[in-house]
Amino acid sequence: MILADIRERRSSQAEAGALLEEACSSGASKDWREYYCESLRGRSLAAANSVSLAEPLLVSGYQGMLANQSRMPAGRLMHIADAKAALAAIGK
């Protein structure tokens, strides 16, 4: 997932999307990492101009991380702000 984050930040959306598709779990009980993964997938899709596909992932990822922030390591809380910025960038 870290490699996908790096690829997405460096504008390698196709590579990031493929890595994230493989890395993200769709389990019923999610922890903050799975919401973070959703957010990354949403950012990757938004960067590829697939906003309609990106929006639900960005919303779910942001809300999930926000709800689980007390269980997130302090060094990872920045992902919540990144997800919020991604939502703002698509106008939601």
C-alpha atoms as a PDB file:
ATOM      1  CA  MET A   1       0.000   0.000   0.000  1.00  0.00           C
ATOM      2  CA  ILE A   2       2.893   2.368   0.691  1.00  0.00           C
ATOM      3  CA  LEU A   3       4.252   1.845  -2.803  1.00  0.00           C
ATOM      4  CA  ALA A   4       0.824   2.662  -4.240  1.00  0.00           C
ATOM      5  CA  ASP A   5       0.737   5.870  -2.187  1.00  0.00           C
ATOM      6  CA  ILE A   6       4.111   6.900  -3.570  1.00  0.00           C
ATOM      7  CA  ARG A   7       3.068   6.083  -7.124  1.00  0.00           C
ATOM      8  CA  GLU A   8      -0.169   8.052  -6.728  1.00  0.00           C
ATOM      9  CA  ARG A   9       1.675  11.083  -5.351  1.00  0.00           C
ATOM     10  CA  ARG A  10       4.098  10.949  -8.276  1.00  0.00           C
ATOM     11  CA  SER A  11       1.245  10.910 -10.798  1.00  0.00           C
ATOM     12  CA  SER A  12       1.590   7.246 -11.749  1.00  0.00           C
ATOM     13  CA  GLN A  13      -2.151   6.654 -11.376  1.00  0.00           C
ATOM     14  CA  ALA A  14      -2.319   3.563 -13.580  1.00  0.00           C
ATOM     15  CA  GLU A  15       0.366   1.814 -11.543  1.00  0.00           C
ATOM     16  CA  ALA A  16      -1.107   3.030  -8.272  1.00  0.00           C
ATOM     17  CA  GLY A  17      -4.587   1.875  -9.240  1.00  0.00           C
ATOM     18  CA  ALA A  18      -3.386  -1.623 -10.053  1.00  0.00           C
ATOM     19  CA  LEU A  19      -1.417  -1.880  -6.802  1.00  0.00           C
ATOM     20  CA  LEU A  20      -4.328  -0.574  -4.745  1.00  0.00           C
ATOM     21  CA  GLU A  21      -6.845  -2.887  -6.374  1.00  0.00           C
ATOM     22  CA  GLU A  22      -4.697  -5.786  -5.243  1.00  0.00           C
ATOM     23  CA  ALA A  23      -3.842  -4.397  -1.797  1.00  0.00           C
ATOM     24  CA  CYS A  24      -7.233  -3.199  -0.584  1.00  0.00           C
ATOM     25  CA  SER A  25      -9.321  -5.678   1.322  1.00  0.00           C
ATOM     26  CA  SER A  26     -13.087  -5.683   1.117  1.00  0.00           C
ATOM     27  CA  GLY A  27     -13.631  -7.332   4.475  1.00  0.00           C
ATOM     28  CA  ALA A  28     -16.705  -6.626   6.559  1.00  0.00           C
ATOM     29  CA  SER A  29     -14.812  -5.285   9.583  1.00  0.00           C
ATOM     30  CA  LYS A  30     -12.527  -2.492   8.523  1.00  0.00           C
ATOM     31  CA  ASP A  31      -9.740  -0.780  10.379  1.00  0.00           C
ATOM     32  CA  TRP A  32      -8.188   2.572   9.540  1.00  0.00           C
ATOM     33  CA  ARG A  33      -5.757   0.999   7.033  1.00  0.00           C
ATOM     34  CA  GLU A  34      -8.576  -0.237   4.848  1.00  0.00           C
ATOM     35  CA  TYR A  35     -10.222   3.191   4.884  1.00  0.00           C
ATOM     36  CA  TYR A  36      -6.859   4.704   4.013  1.00  0.00           C
ATOM     37  CA  CYS A  37      -6.606   2.272   1.118  1.00  0.00           C
ATOM     38  CA  GLU A  38     -10.091   3.295  -0.088  1.00  0.00           C
ATOM     39  CA  SER A  39      -9.028   6.905   0.062  1.00  0.00           C
ATOM     40  CA  LEU A  40      -5.913   6.168  -1.994  1.00  0.00           C
ATOM     41  CA  ARG A  41      -7.984   4.318  -4.581  1.00  0.00           C
ATOM     42  CA  GLY A  42     -10.347   7.287  -4.737  1.00  0.00           C
ATOM     43  CA  ARG A  43      -7.486   9.749  -5.187  1.00  0.00           C
ATOM     44  CA  SER A  44      -6.040   7.607  -7.945  1.00  0.00           C
ATOM     45  CA  LEU A  45      -9.391   7.448  -9.745  1.00  0.00           C
ATOM     46  CA  ALA A  46      -9.968  11.185  -9.309  1.00  0.00           C
ATOM     47  CA  ALA A  47      -6.553  11.915 -10.800  1.00  0.00           C
ATOM     48  CA  ALA A  48      -7.535   9.744 -13.766  1.00  0.00           C
ATOM     49  CA  ASN A  49     -10.719  11.866 -14.175  1.00  0.00           C
ATOM     50  CA  SER A  50     -13.022   9.083 -12.965  1.00  0.00           C
ATOM     51  CA  VAL A  51     -14.729  11.302 -10.397  1.00  0.00           C
ATOM     52  CA  SER A  52     -17.976   9.316 -10.287  1.00  0.00           C
ATOM     53  CA  LEU A  53     -16.010   6.206  -9.273  1.00  0.00           C
ATOM     54  CA  ALA A  54     -13.680   8.148  -6.995  1.00  0.00           C
ATOM     55  CA  GLU A  55     -16.267  10.010  -4.935  1.00  0.00           C
ATOM     56  CA  PRO A  56     -17.748   7.095  -2.935  1.00  0.00           C
ATOM     57  CA  LEU A  57     -14.268   5.761  -2.154  1.00  0.00           C
ATOM     58  CA  LEU A  58     -13.042   9.174  -1.039  1.00  0.00           C
ATOM     59  CA  VAL A  59     -16.088   9.759   1.151  1.00  0.00           C
ATOM     60  CA  SER A  60     -15.941   6.302   2.731  1.00  0.00           C
ATOM     61  CA  GLY A  61     -12.185   6.491   3.223  1.00  0.00           C
ATOM     62  CA  TYR A  62     -12.320   9.921   4.840  1.00  0.00           C
ATOM     63  CA  GLN A  63     -15.268   9.127   7.110  1.00  0.00           C
ATOM     64  CA  GLY A  64     -13.785   5.772   8.110  1.00  0.00           C
ATOM     65  CA  MET A  65     -10.414   7.221   9.026  1.00  0.00           C
ATOM     66  CA  LEU A  66     -12.093  10.071  10.888  1.00  0.00           C
ATOM     67  CA  ALA A  67     -14.158   7.574  12.911  1.00  0.00           C
ATOM     68  CA  ASN A  68     -11.057   5.479  13.645  1.00  0.00           C
ATOM     69  CA  GLN A  69      -8.553   8.280  14.254  1.00  0.00           C
ATOM     70  CA  SER A  70      -8.116   7.343  17.917  1.00  0.00           C
ATOM     71  CA  ARG A  71      -6.704   3.987  16.751  1.00  0.00           C
ATOM     72  CA  MET A  72      -4.405   5.504  14.131  1.00  0.00           C
ATOM     73  CA  PRO A  73      -0.714   6.013  14.889  1.00  0.00           C
ATOM     74  CA  ALA A  74       0.085   9.701  15.328  1.00  0.00           C
ATOM     75  CA  GLY A  75       2.359   9.622  12.289  1.00  0.00           C
ATOM     76  CA  ARG A  76      -0.544   8.493  10.093  1.00  0.00           C
ATOM     77  CA  LEU A  77      -3.112  11.132  11.060  1.00  0.00           C
ATOM     78  CA  MET A  78      -1.965  13.198   8.089  1.00  0.00           C
ATOM     79  CA  HIS A  79      -3.874  10.732   5.885  1.00  0.00           C
ATOM     80  CA  ILE A  80      -7.142  12.176   7.203  1.00  0.00           C
ATOM     81  CA  ALA A  81      -6.134  15.654   6.010  1.00  0.00           C
ATOM     82  CA  ASP A  82      -5.022  14.198   2.659  1.00  0.00           C
ATOM     83  CA  ALA A  83      -8.414  12.519   2.229  1.00  0.00           C
ATOM     84  CA  LYS A  84     -10.241  15.745   3.122  1.00  0.00           C
ATOM     85  CA  ALA A  85      -8.146  17.670   0.593  1.00  0.00           C
ATOM     86  CA  ALA A  86      -8.925  15.094  -2.089  1.00  0.00           C
ATOM     87  CA  LEU A  87     -12.645  15.497  -1.420  1.00  0.00           C
ATOM     88  CA  ALA A  88     -12.313  19.263  -1.609  1.00  0.00           C
ATOM     89  CA  ALA A  89     -10.464  18.944  -4.903  1.00  0.00           C
ATOM     90  CA  ILE A  90     -13.419  17.156  -6.502  1.00  0.00           C
ATOM     91  CA  GLY A  91     -15.833  19.642  -4.960  1.00  0.00           C
ATOM     92  CA  LYS A  92     -17.496  17.491  -2.281  1.00  0.00           C
END
